Amino acid sequence: MTQKQVLTLCAAAFLGGTVGGMLSTQLLSPRSVEAQKPNGIHGEEFLLLDAKGKARAGLGLDANGEVGFVLRSKDGNRTLTLSPDEPSVIKLVERGGRILWEAP
């Protein structure tokens, strides 16, 4: 192989690689994903977890489709619930299920 042929082969490989790279980024690049709405987040349940992964707060729907907001104490002994679908809208309950305080 002559020096001219080697240079021609290198130039062709360089041009082919450059053009191929440009085409592959245009044709095969992943499309950006749009959010469901620019002004909102959608979901059935949202949880706030502590450093150990325990749920400390939650907002979601129960099996009956009723909405609720729940806050749990650090030690897990008390739970404060807010649900407009329940007879007692606000309840403070201890771990055993005893209601400490409620409001209609």
C-alpha atoms as a PDB file:
ATOM      1  CA  MET A   1       0.000   0.000   0.000  1.00  0.00           C
ATOM      2  CA  THR A   2       1.318   3.405  -0.943  1.00  0.00           C
ATOM      3  CA  GLN A   3       1.333   6.399   1.357  1.00  0.00           C
ATOM      4  CA  LYS A   4      -1.374   8.056  -0.761  1.00  0.00           C
ATOM      5  CA  GLN A   5      -3.654   5.031  -0.360  1.00  0.00           C
ATOM      6  CA  VAL A   6      -3.095   4.966   3.436  1.00  0.00           C
ATOM      7  CA  LEU A   7      -3.959   8.685   3.699  1.00  0.00           C
ATOM      8  CA  THR A   8      -7.057   8.199   1.509  1.00  0.00           C
ATOM      9  CA  LEU A   9      -8.155   5.246   3.654  1.00  0.00           C
ATOM     10  CA  CYS A  10      -7.636   7.220   6.888  1.00  0.00           C
ATOM     11  CA  ALA A  11      -9.546  10.231   5.506  1.00  0.00           C
ATOM     12  CA  ALA A  12     -12.421   7.994   4.371  1.00  0.00           C
ATOM     13  CA  ALA A  13     -12.557   6.272   7.782  1.00  0.00           C
ATOM     14  CA  PHE A  14     -12.521   9.632   9.572  1.00  0.00           C
ATOM     15  CA  LEU A  15     -15.264  11.102   7.370  1.00  0.00           C
ATOM     16  CA  GLY A  16     -17.341   7.926   7.589  1.00  0.00           C
ATOM     17  CA  GLY A  17     -17.066   7.858  11.378  1.00  0.00           C
ATOM     18  CA  THR A  18     -17.948  11.543  11.694  1.00  0.00           C
ATOM     19  CA  VAL A  19     -20.948  11.372   9.358  1.00  0.00           C
ATOM     20  CA  GLY A  20     -22.113   8.099  10.924  1.00  0.00           C
ATOM     21  CA  GLY A  21     -21.850   9.563  14.416  1.00  0.00           C
ATOM     22  CA  MET A  22     -23.834  12.649  13.436  1.00  0.00           C
ATOM     23  CA  LEU A  23     -26.550  10.586  11.767  1.00  0.00           C
ATOM     24  CA  SER A  24     -26.802   8.146  14.676  1.00  0.00           C
ATOM     25  CA  THR A  25     -27.324  10.974  17.192  1.00  0.00           C
ATOM     26  CA  GLN A  26     -30.078  12.419  15.016  1.00  0.00           C
ATOM     27  CA  LEU A  27     -31.832   9.139  14.251  1.00  0.00           C
ATOM     28  CA  LEU A  28     -31.250   7.074  17.380  1.00  0.00           C
ATOM     29  CA  SER A  29     -31.110   9.631  20.189  1.00  0.00           C
ATOM     30  CA  PRO A  30     -33.701   9.221  22.956  1.00  0.00           C
ATOM     31  CA  ARG A  31     -36.551  11.675  22.854  1.00  0.00           C
ATOM     32  CA  SER A  32     -37.117  13.885  25.866  1.00  0.00           C
ATOM     33  CA  VAL A  33     -40.112  12.963  27.975  1.00  0.00           C
ATOM     34  CA  GLU A  34     -42.637  15.610  28.871  1.00  0.00           C
ATOM     35  CA  ALA A  35     -44.227  15.719  32.321  1.00  0.00           C
ATOM     36  CA  GLN A  36     -47.903  14.876  32.521  1.00  0.00           C
ATOM     37  CA  LYS A  37     -48.640  18.537  33.109  1.00  0.00           C
ATOM     38  CA  PRO A  38     -46.148  21.326  33.543  1.00  0.00           C
ATOM     39  CA  ASN A  39     -47.982  22.542  36.649  1.00  0.00           C
ATOM     40  CA  GLY A  40     -48.732  19.290  38.503  1.00  0.00           C
ATOM     41  CA  ILE A  41     -47.698  15.818  39.626  1.00  0.00           C
ATOM     42  CA  HIS A  42     -50.058  12.865  39.381  1.00  0.00           C
ATOM     43  CA  GLY A  43     -50.138   9.784  41.567  1.00  0.00           C
ATOM     44  CA  GLU A  44     -52.311   7.664  43.821  1.00  0.00           C
ATOM     45  CA  GLU A  45     -50.059   7.888  46.877  1.00  0.00           C
ATOM     46  CA  PHE A  46     -47.294  10.183  48.071  1.00  0.00           C
ATOM     47  CA  LEU A  47     -45.099   9.163  51.025  1.00  0.00           C
ATOM     48  CA  LEU A  48     -42.546  11.080  53.066  1.00  0.00           C
ATOM     49  CA  LEU A  49     -39.881   8.686  54.377  1.00  0.00           C
ATOM     50  CA  ASP A  50     -37.363   9.218  57.162  1.00  0.00           C
ATOM     51  CA  ALA A  51     -33.663   8.320  56.883  1.00  0.00           C
ATOM     52  CA  LYS A  52     -34.427   4.681  57.806  1.00  0.00           C
ATOM     53  CA  GLY A  53     -37.070   4.348  55.090  1.00  0.00           C
ATOM     54  CA  LYS A  54     -40.082   4.393  57.434  1.00  0.00           C
ATOM     55  CA  ALA A  55     -43.142   6.271  56.196  1.00  0.00           C
ATOM     56  CA  ARG A  56     -43.704   9.318  58.397  1.00  0.00           C
ATOM     57  CA  ALA A  57     -46.323  11.091  56.296  1.00  0.00           C
ATOM     58  CA  GLY A  58     -48.589  10.094  53.483  1.00  0.00           C
ATOM     59  CA  LEU A  59     -51.242  11.451  51.182  1.00  0.00           C
ATOM     60  CA  GLY A  60     -53.343   9.011  49.235  1.00  0.00           C
ATOM     61  CA  LEU A  61     -56.529   7.106  48.528  1.00  0.00           C
ATOM     62  CA  ASP A  62     -57.716   4.058  50.464  1.00  0.00           C
ATOM     63  CA  ALA A  63     -59.408   0.973  48.976  1.00  0.00           C
ATOM     64  CA  ASN A  64     -62.784   2.777  48.962  1.00  0.00           C
ATOM     65  CA  GLY A  65     -61.407   5.760  47.055  1.00  0.00           C
ATOM     66  CA  GLU A  66     -61.493   8.033  50.113  1.00  0.00           C
ATOM     67  CA  VAL A  67     -58.706  10.565  50.419  1.00  0.00           C
ATOM     68  CA  GLY A  68     -56.574  10.928  53.524  1.00  0.00           C
ATOM     69  CA  PHE A  69     -53.525  12.656  54.936  1.00  0.00           C
ATOM     70  CA  VAL A  70     -51.554  10.798  57.639  1.00  0.00           C
ATOM     71  CA  LEU A  71     -48.739  11.965  59.937  1.00  0.00           C
ATOM     72  CA  ARG A  72     -46.886   9.508  62.201  1.00  0.00           C
ATOM     73  CA  SER A  73     -44.812  10.327  65.275  1.00  0.00           C
ATOM     74  CA  LYS A  74     -41.093   9.636  65.234  1.00  0.00           C
ATOM     75  CA  ASP A  75     -41.473   6.555  67.449  1.00  0.00           C
ATOM     76  CA  GLY A  76     -44.581   5.371  65.562  1.00  0.00           C
ATOM     77  CA  ASN A  77     -46.818   5.468  68.660  1.00  0.00           C
ATOM     78  CA  ARG A  78     -49.188   8.185  67.485  1.00  0.00           C
ATOM     79  CA  THR A  79     -50.898   8.820  64.154  1.00  0.00           C
ATOM     80  CA  LEU A  80     -52.707  11.994  63.122  1.00  0.00           C
ATOM     81  CA  THR A  81     -55.169  11.523  60.249  1.00  0.00           C
ATOM     82  CA  LEU A  82     -57.116  14.037  58.232  1.00  0.00           C
ATOM     83  CA  SER A  83     -59.885  12.714  55.997  1.00  0.00           C
ATOM     84  CA  PRO A  84     -62.922  14.677  54.820  1.00  0.00           C
ATOM     85  CA  ASP A  85     -64.679  11.385  53.987  1.00  0.00           C
ATOM     86  CA  GLU A  86     -64.620  10.060  57.591  1.00  0.00           C
ATOM     87  CA  PRO A  87     -67.216  10.984  60.276  1.00  0.00           C
ATOM     88  CA  SER A  88     -64.358  12.401  62.399  1.00  0.00           C
ATOM     89  CA  VAL A  89     -62.393  14.555  60.008  1.00  0.00           C
ATOM     90  CA  ILE A  90     -59.319  14.829  62.271  1.00  0.00           C
ATOM     91  CA  LYS A  91     -58.151  12.017  64.587  1.00  0.00           C
ATOM     92  CA  LEU A  92     -55.151  11.483  66.837  1.00  0.00           C
ATOM     93  CA  VAL A  93     -54.785   7.748  67.501  1.00  0.00           C
ATOM     94  CA  GLU A  94     -52.225   5.821  69.535  1.00  0.00           C
ATOM     95  CA  ARG A  95     -50.628   2.586  68.340  1.00  0.00           C
ATOM     96  CA  GLY A  96     -53.212   0.332  70.034  1.00  0.00           C
ATOM     97  CA  GLY A  97     -56.026   2.044  68.154  1.00  0.00           C
ATOM     98  CA  ARG A  98     -57.305   4.150  71.063  1.00  0.00           C
ATOM     99  CA  ILE A  99     -58.485   7.561  69.893  1.00  0.00           C
ATOM    100  CA  LEU A 100     -56.722  10.276  71.878  1.00  0.00           C
ATOM    101  CA  TRP A 101     -58.520  13.199  70.234  1.00  0.00           C
ATOM    102  CA  GLU A 102     -60.930  13.735  67.351  1.00  0.00           C
ATOM    103  CA  ALA A 103     -62.836  16.582  65.769  1.00  0.00           C
ATOM    104  CA  PRO A 104     -65.884  16.493  63.510  1.00  0.00           C
END
